[in-house]
C-alpha atoms as a PDB file:
ATOM      1  CA  MET A   1       0.154   0.068  -0.025  1.00  0.00           C
ATOM      2  CA  ALA A   2       2.726   2.381   1.008  1.00  0.00           C
ATOM      3  CA  GLY A   3       4.556   1.441  -2.395  1.00  0.00           C
ATOM      4  CA  MET A   4       1.306   2.424  -4.286  1.00  0.00           C
ATOM      5  CA  ASN A   5       1.235   5.780  -2.574  1.00  0.00           C
ATOM      6  CA  LYS A   6       4.881   6.286  -3.457  1.00  0.00           C
ATOM      7  CA  LEU A   7       4.125   5.347  -7.112  1.00  0.00           C
ATOM      8  CA  ALA A   8       0.988   7.689  -7.268  1.00  0.00           C
ATOM      9  CA  LEU A   9       3.187  10.539  -5.829  1.00  0.00           C
ATOM     10  CA  VAL A  10       5.806  10.036  -8.497  1.00  0.00           C
ATOM     11  CA  VAL A  11       3.106   9.976 -11.175  1.00  0.00           C
ATOM     12  CA  VAL A  12       1.520  13.377  -9.549  1.00  0.00           C
ATOM     13  CA  ILE A  13       5.276  14.831  -9.679  1.00  0.00           C
ATOM     14  CA  VAL A  14       5.811  13.741 -13.130  1.00  0.00           C
ATOM     15  CA  LEU A  15       2.428  14.985 -14.466  1.00  0.00           C
ATOM     16  CA  ALA A  16       2.978  18.557 -12.753  1.00  0.00           C
ATOM     17  CA  LEU A  17       6.221  18.741 -14.581  1.00  0.00           C
ATOM     18  CA  VAL A  18       5.179  18.015 -17.812  1.00  0.00           C
ATOM     19  CA  SER A  19       2.312  20.424 -17.284  1.00  0.00           C
ATOM     20  CA  ASN A  20       4.715  23.286 -16.329  1.00  0.00           C
ATOM     21  CA  THR A  21       6.798  22.511 -19.369  1.00  0.00           C
ATOM     22  CA  LEU A  22       3.815  22.802 -21.572  1.00  0.00           C
ATOM     23  CA  ALA A  23       2.710  26.022 -20.003  1.00  0.00           C
ATOM     24  CA  VAL A  24       5.978  27.664 -20.357  1.00  0.00           C
ATOM     25  CA  GLU A  25       6.086  26.494 -24.199  1.00  0.00           C
ATOM     26  CA  VAL A  26       2.782  28.204 -24.600  1.00  0.00           C
ATOM     27  CA  THR A  27       3.422  31.210 -22.807  1.00  0.00           C
ATOM     28  CA  SER A  28       6.759  31.911 -24.653  1.00  0.00           C
ATOM     29  CA  LEU A  29       5.050  32.083 -27.987  1.00  0.00           C
ATOM     30  CA  PRO A  30       5.883  35.353 -29.671  1.00  0.00           C
ATOM     31  CA  ARG A  31       3.251  38.318 -29.189  1.00  0.00           C
ATOM     32  CA  CYS A  32       3.200  39.221 -32.913  1.00  0.00           C
ATOM     33  CA  GLN A  33       2.627  36.479 -35.416  1.00  0.00           C
ATOM     34  CA  ILE A  34       2.179  35.886 -39.294  1.00  0.00           C
ATOM     35  CA  VAL A  35      -0.301  33.223 -39.614  1.00  0.00           C
ATOM     36  CA  PRO A  36      -0.922  31.780 -43.202  1.00  0.00           C
ATOM     37  CA  LEU A  37      -4.478  30.728 -43.972  1.00  0.00           C
ATOM     38  CA  PRO A  38      -6.319  29.056 -46.926  1.00  0.00           C
ATOM     39  CA  ASN A  39      -7.376  30.828 -50.280  1.00  0.00           C
ATOM     40  CA  GLN A  40      -4.105  32.556 -50.309  1.00  0.00           C
ATOM     41  CA  GLU A  41      -4.514  34.897 -47.242  1.00  0.00           C
ATOM     42  CA  VAL A  42      -2.302  35.685 -44.502  1.00  0.00           C
ATOM     43  CA  SER A  43      -3.341  36.747 -40.798  1.00  0.00           C
ATOM     44  CA  LEU A  44      -1.308  39.318 -39.211  1.00  0.00           C
ATOM     45  CA  GLN A  45      -1.843  38.925 -35.477  1.00  0.00           C
ATOM     46  CA  ILE A  46      -1.139  40.464 -32.055  1.00  0.00           C
ATOM     47  CA  ASP A  47      -1.598  38.469 -28.957  1.00  0.00           C
ATOM     48  CA  GLY A  48      -3.813  36.140 -30.947  1.00  0.00           C
ATOM     49  CA  VAL A  49      -6.070  38.777 -32.175  1.00  0.00           C
ATOM     50  CA  GLU A  50      -6.152  39.617 -36.081  1.00  0.00           C
ATOM     51  CA  ARG A  51      -5.287  43.393 -36.948  1.00  0.00           C
ATOM     52  CA  THR A  52      -5.140  43.037 -40.566  1.00  0.00           C
ATOM     53  CA  ARG A  53      -4.857  40.439 -43.365  1.00  0.00           C
ATOM     54  CA  TRP A  54      -3.134  40.195 -46.665  1.00  0.00           C
ATOM     55  CA  HIS A  55      -5.112  38.862 -49.593  1.00  0.00           C
ATOM     56  CA  CYS A  56      -3.042  37.654 -52.504  1.00  0.00           C
ATOM     57  CA  GLY A  57      -5.119  35.143 -54.645  1.00  0.00           C
ATOM     58  CA  ALA A  58      -5.192  35.203 -58.359  1.00  0.00           C
ATOM     59  CA  LYS A  59      -9.041  35.919 -58.288  1.00  0.00           C
ATOM     60  CA  TYR A  60      -8.199  39.520 -57.388  1.00  0.00           C
ATOM     61  CA  SER A  61      -6.394  42.109 -59.886  1.00  0.00           C
ATOM     62  CA  ARG A  62      -3.936  42.974 -56.952  1.00  0.00           C
ATOM     63  CA  PRO A  63      -3.315  42.094 -53.646  1.00  0.00           C
ATOM     64  CA  PHE A  64      -4.532  44.013 -50.550  1.00  0.00           C
ATOM     65  CA  PHE A  65      -4.780  44.424 -46.774  1.00  0.00           C
ATOM     66  CA  PHE A  66      -8.519  43.907 -45.455  1.00  0.00           C
ATOM     67  CA  PRO A  67      -9.610  44.316 -42.742  1.00  0.00           C
ATOM     68  CA  PHE A  68      -7.714  47.069 -40.823  1.00  0.00           C
ATOM     69  CA  ASN A  69      -9.124  46.568 -37.581  1.00  0.00           C
ATOM     70  CA  GLY A  70      -9.078  49.395 -34.813  1.00  0.00           C
ATOM     71  CA  PRO A  71      -8.934  48.808 -31.155  1.00  0.00           C
ATOM     72  CA  SER A  72     -12.491  48.413 -31.199  1.00  0.00           C
ATOM     73  CA  GLY A  73     -12.296  45.420 -33.387  1.00  0.00           C
ATOM     74  CA  SER A  74     -14.282  47.188 -36.433  1.00  0.00           C
ATOM     75  CA  SER A  75     -12.281  47.636 -39.443  1.00  0.00           C
ATOM     76  CA  LEU A  76     -11.262  51.057 -40.198  1.00  0.00           C
ATOM     77  CA  THR A  77     -11.170  50.409 -44.138  1.00  0.00           C
ATOM     78  CA  ARG A  78     -13.766  49.223 -46.515  1.00  0.00           C
ATOM     79  CA  MET A  79     -13.831  47.577 -49.853  1.00  0.00           C
ATOM     80  CA  GLY A  80     -14.943  49.830 -52.922  1.00  0.00           C
ATOM     81  CA  HIS A  81     -16.543  53.349 -52.810  1.00  0.00           C
ATOM     82  CA  PRO A  82     -19.850  53.756 -50.752  1.00  0.00           C
ATOM     83  CA  GLY A  83     -21.566  55.372 -53.539  1.00  0.00           C
ATOM     84  CA  ALA A  84     -19.805  54.555 -57.129  1.00  0.00           C
ATOM     85  CA  ALA A  85     -19.392  50.916 -58.473  1.00  0.00           C
ATOM     86  CA  HIS A  86     -16.525  52.078 -60.926  1.00  0.00           C
ATOM     87  CA  HIS A  87     -14.186  52.529 -57.819  1.00  0.00           C
ATOM     88  CA  ASP A  88     -14.585  48.790 -56.882  1.00  0.00           C
ATOM     89  CA  HIS A  89     -10.839  48.823 -57.577  1.00  0.00           C
ATOM     90  CA  HIS A  90     -10.427  50.692 -54.109  1.00  0.00           C
ATOM     91  CA  ARG A  91      -9.531  47.632 -52.017  1.00  0.00           C
ATOM     92  CA  SER A  92      -9.070  48.823 -48.407  1.00  0.00           C
ATOM     93  CA  VAL A  93      -5.294  49.313 -48.409  1.00  0.00           C
ATOM     94  CA  TRP A  94      -3.505  48.353 -51.690  1.00  0.00           C
ATOM     95  CA  PHE A  95      -0.769  49.188 -54.364  1.00  0.00           C
ATOM     96  CA  ALA A  96      -1.539  50.620 -57.487  1.00  0.00           C
ATOM     97  CA  HIS A  97      -0.198  53.328 -60.194  1.00  0.00           C
ATOM     98  CA  HIS A  98      -2.062  54.921 -62.867  1.00  0.00           C
ATOM     99  CA  ASP A  99       0.590  55.020 -65.489  1.00  0.00           C
ATOM    100  CA  VAL A 100       3.488  52.249 -65.754  1.00  0.00           C
ATOM    101  CA  ASN A 101       5.102  52.436 -68.886  1.00  0.00           C
ATOM    102  CA  GLY A 102       2.060  53.769 -70.374  1.00  0.00           C
ATOM    103  CA  LYS A 103      -0.421  51.354 -68.934  1.00  0.00           C
ATOM    104  CA  ASP A 104      -3.121  51.888 -66.095  1.00  0.00           C
ATOM    105  CA  PHE A 105      -2.390  49.539 -63.285  1.00  0.00           C
ATOM    106  CA  TRP A 106      -4.675  51.825 -60.926  1.00  0.00           C
ATOM    107  CA  SER A 107      -8.277  50.945 -62.243  1.00  0.00           C
ATOM    108  CA  ASP A 108      -9.216  47.254 -63.196  1.00  0.00           C
ATOM    109  CA  GLN A 109      -8.195  47.499 -66.602  1.00  0.00           C
ATOM    110  CA  PRO A 110      -8.605  43.962 -68.676  1.00  0.00           C
ATOM    111  CA  GLY A 111      -5.686  41.716 -68.414  1.00  0.00           C
ATOM    112  CA  LEU A 112      -3.717  44.062 -66.230  1.00  0.00           C
ATOM    113  CA  ARG A 113      -2.809  42.625 -62.905  1.00  0.00           C
ATOM    114  CA  ILE A 114      -0.371  42.618 -59.972  1.00  0.00           C
ATOM    115  CA  ALA A 115       0.169  39.185 -58.844  1.00  0.00           C
ATOM    116  CA  GLN A 116       1.985  37.635 -56.079  1.00  0.00           C
ATOM    117  CA  GLN A 117       4.852  35.309 -57.188  1.00  0.00           C
ATOM    118  CA  GLU A 118       5.812  33.804 -53.707  1.00  0.00           C
ATOM    119  CA  TRP A 119       5.992  34.762 -50.123  1.00  0.00           C
ATOM    120  CA  LEU A 120       9.786  35.125 -49.237  1.00  0.00           C
ATOM    121  CA  ALA A 121       9.811  35.281 -45.431  1.00  0.00           C
ATOM    122  CA  TYR A 122       7.590  35.160 -42.254  1.00  0.00           C
ATOM    123  CA  TYR A 123       9.089  36.445 -38.975  1.00  0.00           C
ATOM    124  CA  ASP A 124       7.240  36.368 -35.518  1.00  0.00           C
ATOM    125  CA  SER A 125       8.510  37.928 -32.407  1.00  0.00           C
ATOM    126  CA  ASP A 126       7.330  39.833 -29.258  1.00  0.00           C
ATOM    127  CA  ASP A 127       8.369  43.399 -30.844  1.00  0.00           C
ATOM    128  CA  GLU A 128       6.862  42.935 -34.523  1.00  0.00           C
ATOM    129  CA  ALA A 129       5.868  40.437 -37.131  1.00  0.00           C
ATOM    130  CA  ARG A 130       7.338  40.689 -40.534  1.00  0.00           C
ATOM    131  CA  LEU A 131       5.878  39.533 -43.879  1.00  0.00           C
ATOM    132  CA  ALA A 132       8.110  39.619 -47.094  1.00  0.00           C
ATOM    133  CA  VAL A 133       6.616  38.968 -50.684  1.00  0.00           C
ATOM    134  CA  LYS A 134       7.511  39.287 -54.103  1.00  0.00           C
ATOM    135  CA  LEU A 135       4.934  40.881 -56.817  1.00  0.00           C
ATOM    136  CA  ASN A 136       5.035  40.886 -60.327  1.00  0.00           C
ATOM    137  CA  TRP A 137       3.078  43.860 -62.398  1.00  0.00           C
ATOM    138  CA  ILE A 138       1.800  42.221 -65.267  1.00  0.00           C
ATOM    139  CA  ASP A 139       0.271  43.770 -68.540  1.00  0.00           C
ATOM    140  CA  GLU A 140      -2.482  42.244 -71.037  1.00  0.00           C
ATOM    141  CA  SER A 141       0.313  40.406 -73.130  1.00  0.00           C
ATOM    142  CA  ASP A 142       1.649  38.663 -69.875  1.00  0.00           C
ATOM    143  CA  GLN A 143       4.677  40.787 -69.978  1.00  0.00           C
ATOM    144  CA  VAL A 144       6.003  41.959 -66.623  1.00  0.00           C
ATOM    145  CA  GLN A 145       6.423  45.783 -66.460  1.00  0.00           C
ATOM    146  CA  LEU A 146       7.558  45.863 -62.988  1.00  0.00           C
ATOM    147  CA  GLN A 147       8.868  43.781 -59.995  1.00  0.00           C
ATOM    148  CA  GLN A 148       8.085  44.487 -56.524  1.00  0.00           C
ATOM    149  CA  GLN A 149       9.416  43.253 -53.185  1.00  0.00           C
ATOM    150  CA  MET A 150       7.226  44.273 -50.169  1.00  0.00           C
ATOM    151  CA  VAL A 151       7.945  44.048 -46.385  1.00  0.00           C
ATOM    152  CA  ALA A 152       5.368  44.743 -43.935  1.00  0.00           C
ATOM    153  CA  ALA A 153       6.065  44.685 -40.299  1.00  0.00           C
ATOM    154  CA  LEU A 154       3.039  44.467 -37.848  1.00  0.00           C
ATOM    155  CA  ILE A 155       4.088  46.772 -34.608  1.00  0.00           C
ATOM    156  CA  PRO A 156       2.118  46.778 -31.475  1.00  0.00           C
ATOM    157  CA  GLY A 157       1.397  49.905 -29.778  1.00  0.00           C
ATOM    158  CA  ARG A 158      -0.410  50.937 -26.539  1.00  0.00           C
ATOM    159  CA  ALA A 159      -3.953  50.212 -25.439  1.00  0.00           C
ATOM    160  CA  GLY A 160      -4.801  48.119 -28.432  1.00  0.00           C
ATOM    161  CA  GLN A 161      -3.338  50.593 -31.223  1.00  0.00           C
ATOM    162  CA  TRP A 162      -0.845  49.313 -33.793  1.00  0.00           C
ATOM    163  CA  SER A 163       0.844  50.031 -36.799  1.00  0.00           C
ATOM    164  CA  VAL A 164       2.070  48.491 -40.268  1.00  0.00           C
ATOM    165  CA  GLU A 165       5.567  49.608 -41.543  1.00  0.00           C
ATOM    166  CA  ILE A 166       5.752  49.064 -45.166  1.00  0.00           C
ATOM    167  CA  GLN A 167       8.806  49.020 -47.235  1.00  0.00           C
ATOM    168  CA  THR A 168       8.611  48.170 -51.029  1.00  0.00           C
ATOM    169  CA  THR A 169      11.547  47.836 -53.738  1.00  0.00           C
ATOM    170  CA  LEU A 170      10.467  48.506 -57.268  1.00  0.00           C
ATOM    171  CA  LYS A 171      12.540  47.447 -60.323  1.00  0.00           C
ATOM    172  CA  PRO A 172      12.359  46.455 -63.899  1.00  0.00           C
ATOM    173  CA  PRO A 173      11.931  42.819 -64.692  1.00  0.00           C
ATOM    174  CA  THR A 174      15.585  42.617 -66.244  1.00  0.00           C
ATOM    175  CA  ASP A 175      18.775  44.864 -66.121  1.00  0.00           C
ATOM    176  CA  LYS A 176      18.186  45.695 -69.902  1.00  0.00           C
ATOM    177  CA  LEU A 177      14.726  47.505 -69.465  1.00  0.00           C
ATOM    178  CA  THR A 178      13.593  50.753 -67.878  1.00  0.00           C
ATOM    179  CA  THR A 179      10.348  51.155 -66.089  1.00  0.00           C
ATOM    180  CA  MET A 180       8.616  54.471 -65.950  1.00  0.00           C
ATOM    181  CA  LEU A 181       6.293  55.743 -63.371  1.00  0.00           C
ATOM    182  CA  ASN A 182       4.684  58.581 -65.090  1.00  0.00           C
ATOM    183  CA  LYS A 183       3.317  61.543 -63.853  1.00  0.00           C
ATOM    184  CA  THR A 184       0.052  61.150 -62.210  1.00  0.00           C
ATOM    185  CA  ASN A 185      -1.961  61.927 -58.995  1.00  0.00           C
ATOM    186  CA  TYR A 186      -2.854  58.098 -58.538  1.00  0.00           C
ATOM    187  CA  GLY A 187      -0.212  55.845 -56.610  1.00  0.00           C
ATOM    188  CA  LEU A 188       1.494  54.067 -55.081  1.00  0.00           C
ATOM    189  CA  LEU A 189       0.286  53.054 -51.781  1.00  0.00           C
ATOM    190  CA  ALA A 190      -3.671  53.929 -51.299  1.00  0.00           C
ATOM    191  CA  VAL A 191      -6.065  53.583 -48.303  1.00  0.00           C
ATOM    192  CA  ARG A 192      -9.788  53.621 -48.663  1.00  0.00           C
ATOM    193  CA  VAL A 193     -11.290  54.257 -45.107  1.00  0.00           C
ATOM    194  CA  ALA A 194     -14.870  52.994 -43.659  1.00  0.00           C
ATOM    195  CA  LYS A 195     -17.887  54.796 -44.797  1.00  0.00           C
ATOM    196  CA  SER A 196     -18.496  56.246 -41.323  1.00  0.00           C
ATOM    197  CA  ILE A 197     -14.981  57.442 -41.232  1.00  0.00           C
ATOM    198  CA  SER A 198     -15.238  59.391 -44.574  1.00  0.00           C
ATOM    199  CA  GLU A 199     -16.004  63.216 -44.389  1.00  0.00           C
ATOM    200  CA  HIS A 200     -18.963  63.079 -46.801  1.00  0.00           C
ATOM    201  CA  PHE A 201     -20.527  59.860 -46.001  1.00  0.00           C
ATOM    202  CA  GLY A 202     -19.710  59.836 -42.091  1.00  0.00           C
ATOM    203  CA  GLY A 203     -18.543  62.037 -39.503  1.00  0.00           C
ATOM    204  CA  GLY A 204     -14.821  61.921 -40.167  1.00  0.00           C
ATOM    205  CA  VAL A 205     -12.064  64.531 -40.256  1.00  0.00           C
ATOM    206  CA  LEU A 206      -9.073  64.527 -42.740  1.00  0.00           C
ATOM    207  CA  THR A 207      -5.912  66.242 -40.776  1.00  0.00           C
ATOM    208  CA  ASN A 208      -2.466  66.884 -41.902  1.00  0.00           C
ATOM    209  CA  SER A 209       0.873  67.549 -40.299  1.00  0.00           C
ATOM    210  CA  HIS A 210       0.513  71.080 -40.422  1.00  0.00           C
ATOM    211  CA  GLY A 211      -2.952  71.007 -38.743  1.00  0.00           C
ATOM    212  CA  ALA A 212      -4.782  71.837 -41.855  1.00  0.00           C
ATOM    213  CA  GLN A 213      -8.157  69.786 -42.217  1.00  0.00           C
ATOM    214  CA  HIS A 214     -10.701  68.810 -44.682  1.00  0.00           C
ATOM    215  CA  GLU A 215     -10.150  68.055 -48.685  1.00  0.00           C
ATOM    216  CA  ALA A 216      -9.799  71.483 -49.810  1.00  0.00           C
ATOM    217  CA  GLU A 217      -6.818  72.115 -47.459  1.00  0.00           C
ATOM    218  CA  VAL A 218      -5.033  68.891 -47.553  1.00  0.00           C
ATOM    219  CA  PHE A 219      -5.360  67.846 -51.063  1.00  0.00           C
ATOM    220  CA  GLY A 220      -2.130  68.618 -53.072  1.00  0.00           C
ATOM    221  CA  LYS A 221      -0.161  70.149 -49.982  1.00  0.00           C
ATOM    222  CA  SER A 222       3.048  68.617 -48.788  1.00  0.00           C
ATOM    223  CA  ALA A 223       2.790  67.227 -45.150  1.00  0.00           C
ATOM    224  CA  ALA A 224       4.843  64.605 -43.256  1.00  0.00           C
ATOM    225  CA  TRP A 225       1.715  62.824 -42.781  1.00  0.00           C
ATOM    226  CA  VAL A 226      -2.095  62.781 -43.129  1.00  0.00           C
ATOM    227  CA  ASP A 227      -4.694  61.347 -40.869  1.00  0.00           C
ATOM    228  CA  TYR A 228      -8.464  60.110 -41.293  1.00  0.00           C
ATOM    229  CA  SER A 229     -10.353  59.794 -38.348  1.00  0.00           C
ATOM    230  CA  GLY A 230     -14.051  59.304 -37.435  1.00  0.00           C
ATOM    231  CA  PRO A 231     -16.828  57.097 -35.761  1.00  0.00           C
ATOM    232  CA  VAL A 232     -16.950  53.398 -36.057  1.00  0.00           C
ATOM    233  CA  ALA A 233     -19.110  50.775 -34.280  1.00  0.00           C
ATOM    234  CA  ASN A 234     -18.071  49.219 -31.293  1.00  0.00           C
ATOM    235  CA  GLY A 235     -19.638  45.634 -30.212  1.00  0.00           C
ATOM    236  CA  VAL A 236     -22.835  44.105 -31.528  1.00  0.00           C
ATOM    237  CA  GLY A 237     -26.229  43.959 -30.567  1.00  0.00           C
ATOM    238  CA  PRO A 238     -27.994  46.305 -27.976  1.00  0.00           C
ATOM    239  CA  ASN A 239     -24.698  47.092 -26.453  1.00  0.00           C
ATOM    240  CA  ARG A 240     -23.353  48.515 -29.759  1.00  0.00           C
ATOM    241  CA  THR A 241     -21.796  51.857 -29.352  1.00  0.00           C
ATOM    242  CA  THR A 242     -19.902  54.469 -31.358  1.00  0.00           C
ATOM    243  CA  VAL A 243     -16.186  55.394 -30.832  1.00  0.00           C
ATOM    244  CA  VAL A 244     -13.716  57.497 -32.657  1.00  0.00           C
ATOM    245  CA  GLU A 245     -10.746  55.850 -34.211  1.00  0.00           C
ATOM    246  CA  GLY A 246      -8.414  56.392 -37.128  1.00  0.00           C
ATOM    247  CA  ILE A 247      -5.255  55.805 -39.459  1.00  0.00           C
ATOM    248  CA  THR A 248      -2.534  58.013 -39.611  1.00  0.00           C
ATOM    249  CA  TYR A 249      -0.481  57.462 -42.845  1.00  0.00           C
ATOM    250  CA  PHE A 250       3.294  58.636 -42.464  1.00  0.00           C
ATOM    251  CA  ASP A 251       5.718  59.365 -45.605  1.00  0.00           C
ATOM    252  CA  HIS A 252       9.057  58.786 -44.760  1.00  0.00           C
ATOM    253  CA  PRO A 253      12.237  61.121 -45.328  1.00  0.00           C
ATOM    254  CA  SER A 254      14.116  58.682 -47.564  1.00  0.00           C
ATOM    255  CA  ASN A 255      11.170  58.718 -49.995  1.00  0.00           C
ATOM    256  CA  PRO A 256      11.396  60.907 -53.294  1.00  0.00           C
ATOM    257  CA  ASN A 257       9.899  64.374 -53.007  1.00  0.00           C
ATOM    258  CA  TYR A 258       9.344  64.224 -49.128  1.00  0.00           C
ATOM    259  CA  PRO A 259       7.349  65.453 -47.810  1.00  0.00           C
ATOM    260  CA  ALA A 260       4.865  63.846 -50.059  1.00  0.00           C
ATOM    261  CA  LYS A 261       1.828  65.911 -51.647  1.00  0.00           C
ATOM    262  CA  TRP A 262      -1.187  63.994 -50.764  1.00  0.00           C
ATOM    263  CA  HIS A 263      -4.216  63.156 -53.004  1.00  0.00           C
ATOM    264  CA  VAL A 264      -7.129  62.886 -50.578  1.00  0.00           C
ATOM    265  CA  ARG A 265     -10.843  62.812 -50.889  1.00  0.00           C
ATOM    266  CA  GLU A 266     -13.743  63.766 -48.816  1.00  0.00           C
ATOM    267  CA  ASP A 267     -15.494  60.568 -49.916  1.00  0.00           C
ATOM    268  CA  GLY A 268     -13.021  58.592 -47.988  1.00  0.00           C
ATOM    269  CA  TRP A 269      -9.415  57.912 -49.416  1.00  0.00           C
ATOM    270  CA  MET A 270      -6.166  59.115 -49.062  1.00  0.00           C
ATOM    271  CA  GLY A 271      -2.703  58.527 -50.608  1.00  0.00           C
ATOM    272  CA  ALA A 272       0.719  59.901 -50.664  1.00  0.00           C
ATOM    273  CA  SER A 273       1.058  60.987 -54.272  1.00  0.00           C
ATOM    274  CA  LEU A 274       4.579  59.737 -55.495  1.00  0.00           C
ATOM    275  CA  CYS A 275       4.276  61.142 -58.949  1.00  0.00           C
ATOM    276  CA  ILE A 276       1.981  64.216 -58.731  1.00  0.00           C
ATOM    277  CA  ASP A 277       4.647  66.623 -60.076  1.00  0.00           C
ATOM    278  CA  GLU A 278       6.989  64.383 -62.165  1.00  0.00           C
ATOM    279  CA  GLY A 279       7.428  60.643 -63.225  1.00  0.00           C
ATOM    280  CA  ILE A 280      10.316  58.659 -61.785  1.00  0.00           C
ATOM    281  CA  GLU A 281      12.460  56.369 -63.882  1.00  0.00           C
ATOM    282  CA  ILE A 282      13.408  52.875 -62.514  1.00  0.00           C
ATOM    283  CA  THR A 283      16.367  50.839 -63.612  1.00  0.00           C
ATOM    284  CA  HIS A 284      18.246  47.985 -62.090  1.00  0.00           C
ATOM    285  CA  LYS A 285      21.078  50.154 -61.151  1.00  0.00           C
ATOM    286  CA  LYS A 286      18.606  52.636 -59.558  1.00  0.00           C
ATOM    287  CA  PRO A 287      15.843  50.531 -58.204  1.00  0.00           C
ATOM    288  CA  LEU A 288      13.237  52.659 -56.043  1.00  0.00           C
ATOM    289  CA  THR A 289      12.608  51.738 -52.577  1.00  0.00           C
ATOM    290  CA  LEU A 290       9.728  53.524 -50.647  1.00  0.00           C
ATOM    291  CA  ARG A 291       8.904  53.450 -46.923  1.00  0.00           C
ATOM    292  CA  TYR A 292       5.637  54.299 -45.554  1.00  0.00           C
ATOM    293  CA  LEU A 293       3.898  53.808 -42.113  1.00  0.00           C
ATOM    294  CA  LEU A 294       0.060  53.368 -41.428  1.00  0.00           C
ATOM    295  CA  ALA A 295      -0.607  53.893 -37.706  1.00  0.00           C
ATOM    296  CA  VAL A 296      -4.087  52.801 -36.142  1.00  0.00           C
ATOM    297  CA  HIS A 297      -5.102  54.841 -33.204  1.00  0.00           C
ATOM    298  CA  ARG A 298      -8.044  55.468 -30.636  1.00  0.00           C
ATOM    299  CA  GLY A 299      -9.790  58.625 -30.537  1.00  0.00           C
ATOM    300  CA  ALA A 300      -9.255  61.851 -32.588  1.00  0.00           C
ATOM    301  CA  ILE A 301      -5.985  62.410 -34.093  1.00  0.00           C
ATOM    302  CA  ASP A 302      -3.337  63.569 -31.482  1.00  0.00           C
ATOM    303  CA  SER A 303      -0.840  65.697 -33.540  1.00  0.00           C
ATOM    304  CA  GLN A 304       1.896  65.834 -31.080  1.00  0.00           C
ATOM    305  CA  HIS A 305       1.746  61.855 -30.632  1.00  0.00           C
ATOM    306  CA  ALA A 306       1.659  61.729 -34.541  1.00  0.00           C
ATOM    307  CA  ASP A 307       4.797  63.881 -34.676  1.00  0.00           C
ATOM    308  CA  GLU A 308       6.629  62.017 -32.315  1.00  0.00           C
ATOM    309  CA  GLN A 309       5.647  58.697 -34.396  1.00  0.00           C
ATOM    310  CA  ALA A 310       6.805  60.485 -37.346  1.00  0.00           C
ATOM    311  CA  THR A 311      10.444  61.198 -35.607  1.00  0.00           C
ATOM    312  CA  ALA A 312      10.722  57.671 -34.613  1.00  0.00           C
ATOM    313  CA  PHE A 313       9.669  56.344 -37.985  1.00  0.00           C
ATOM    314  CA  ALA A 314      12.453  58.475 -39.512  1.00  0.00           C
ATOM    315  CA  LYS A 315      14.970  57.221 -37.253  1.00  0.00           C
ATOM    316  CA  ARG A 316      14.012  53.439 -37.465  1.00  0.00           C
ATOM    317  CA  PRO A 317      16.151  51.385 -39.740  1.00  0.00           C
ATOM    318  CA  GLY A 318      14.620  49.790 -42.814  1.00  0.00           C
ATOM    319  CA  PHE A 319      14.508  46.085 -43.940  1.00  0.00           C
ATOM    320  CA  LYS A 320      16.481  43.689 -45.996  1.00  0.00           C
ATOM    321  CA  VAL A 321      15.562  40.306 -47.544  1.00  0.00           C
ATOM    322  CA  GLN A 322      18.287  37.793 -47.863  1.00  0.00           C
ATOM    323  CA  LYS A 323      18.991  34.257 -48.188  1.00  0.00           C
ATOM    324  CA  SER A 324      19.096  32.439 -45.098  1.00  0.00           C
ATOM    325  CA  THR A 325      21.717  30.165 -43.435  1.00  0.00           C
ATOM    326  CA  LYS A 326      19.197  28.904 -41.061  1.00  0.00           C
ATOM    327  CA  LYS A 327      17.984  25.333 -41.219  1.00  0.00           C
ATOM    328  CA  HIS A 328      14.710  24.797 -43.348  1.00  0.00           C
ATOM    329  CA  GLN A 329      14.526  28.510 -44.147  1.00  0.00           C
ATOM    330  CA  GLU A 330      15.090  29.967 -47.404  1.00  0.00           C
ATOM    331  CA  TYR A 331      14.903  33.689 -46.960  1.00  0.00           C
ATOM    332  CA  GLU A 332      14.985  35.767 -43.803  1.00  0.00           C
ATOM    333  CA  VAL A 333      13.762  39.553 -43.253  1.00  0.00           C
ATOM    334  CA  LEU A 334      15.956  41.668 -41.094  1.00  0.00           C
ATOM    335  CA  ARG A 335      16.186  45.365 -39.998  1.00  0.00           C
ATOM    336  CA  VAL A 336      19.135  47.029 -41.508  1.00  0.00           C
ATOM    337  CA  GLU A 337      21.848  47.466 -39.178  1.00  0.00           C
ATOM    338  CA  PRO A 338      22.600  51.305 -38.281  1.00  0.00           C
END
């Protein structure tokens, strides 16, 4: 009987040790994660909660991020225009350009598409999760006009706020070709906010880094950042309430023509207009690298905090994607050492 009691005690101790080991393994999982899903979708999560999702399936003419969830859990972006079907190419947060070598990669023109060729690296950590992909801009004759490498880093903030830092590098498909991003208001990274956040359809407000507000005062003006904030639903059913949240879109000092001139609309979209004044020539020897930050926040815009974010973004090192020497890993995406 005493032997049985000793055996039972040993079993209890072993089970406790195993349980503690498992608990340690679970709690040691990184806060920020890249989670691949079916249908060519990738979930970007903080503490197990999806903040945004990357859609890269061939059924779409270009990849995009949706939803773009605020601290309340409601998406601060939408798919398409609230009142115009011919703007269905507006897909939440997306890359596009109206004139690439004379071809319209902005609207959904027959045969023109931006297609993901492969994902290069996924990186999880407590500080940020990084997604790196390779995209081709393909014309109606199946010719590649532009190659794009994109890195998107999901970064947690305070009180459920977060941001996505985006770095994208563009170059021609071969070293014998030149790609022209010609003069246009439209491109390269665009944001279509939720209906309730837009100035016209909802109760939102456009604000830039100089304190100017509304489309007429922000459109075409140079600014380090532009913000779109407004009301969104919080919760469901009889407990549903309304809160104010928004997205601040930052240009980076390393980008051409910084601070950007902004193409914004009261109907609910904003973009740093890369080629509003002149086109940009891209070659293999002179690839174009651009950096942007989209910061999700609670409440109306806090300009002082936004300025602090802009300063921190300007100082933060960018990314590089390189062949990995690690086991079972083809590429890795790293912050560039200062």
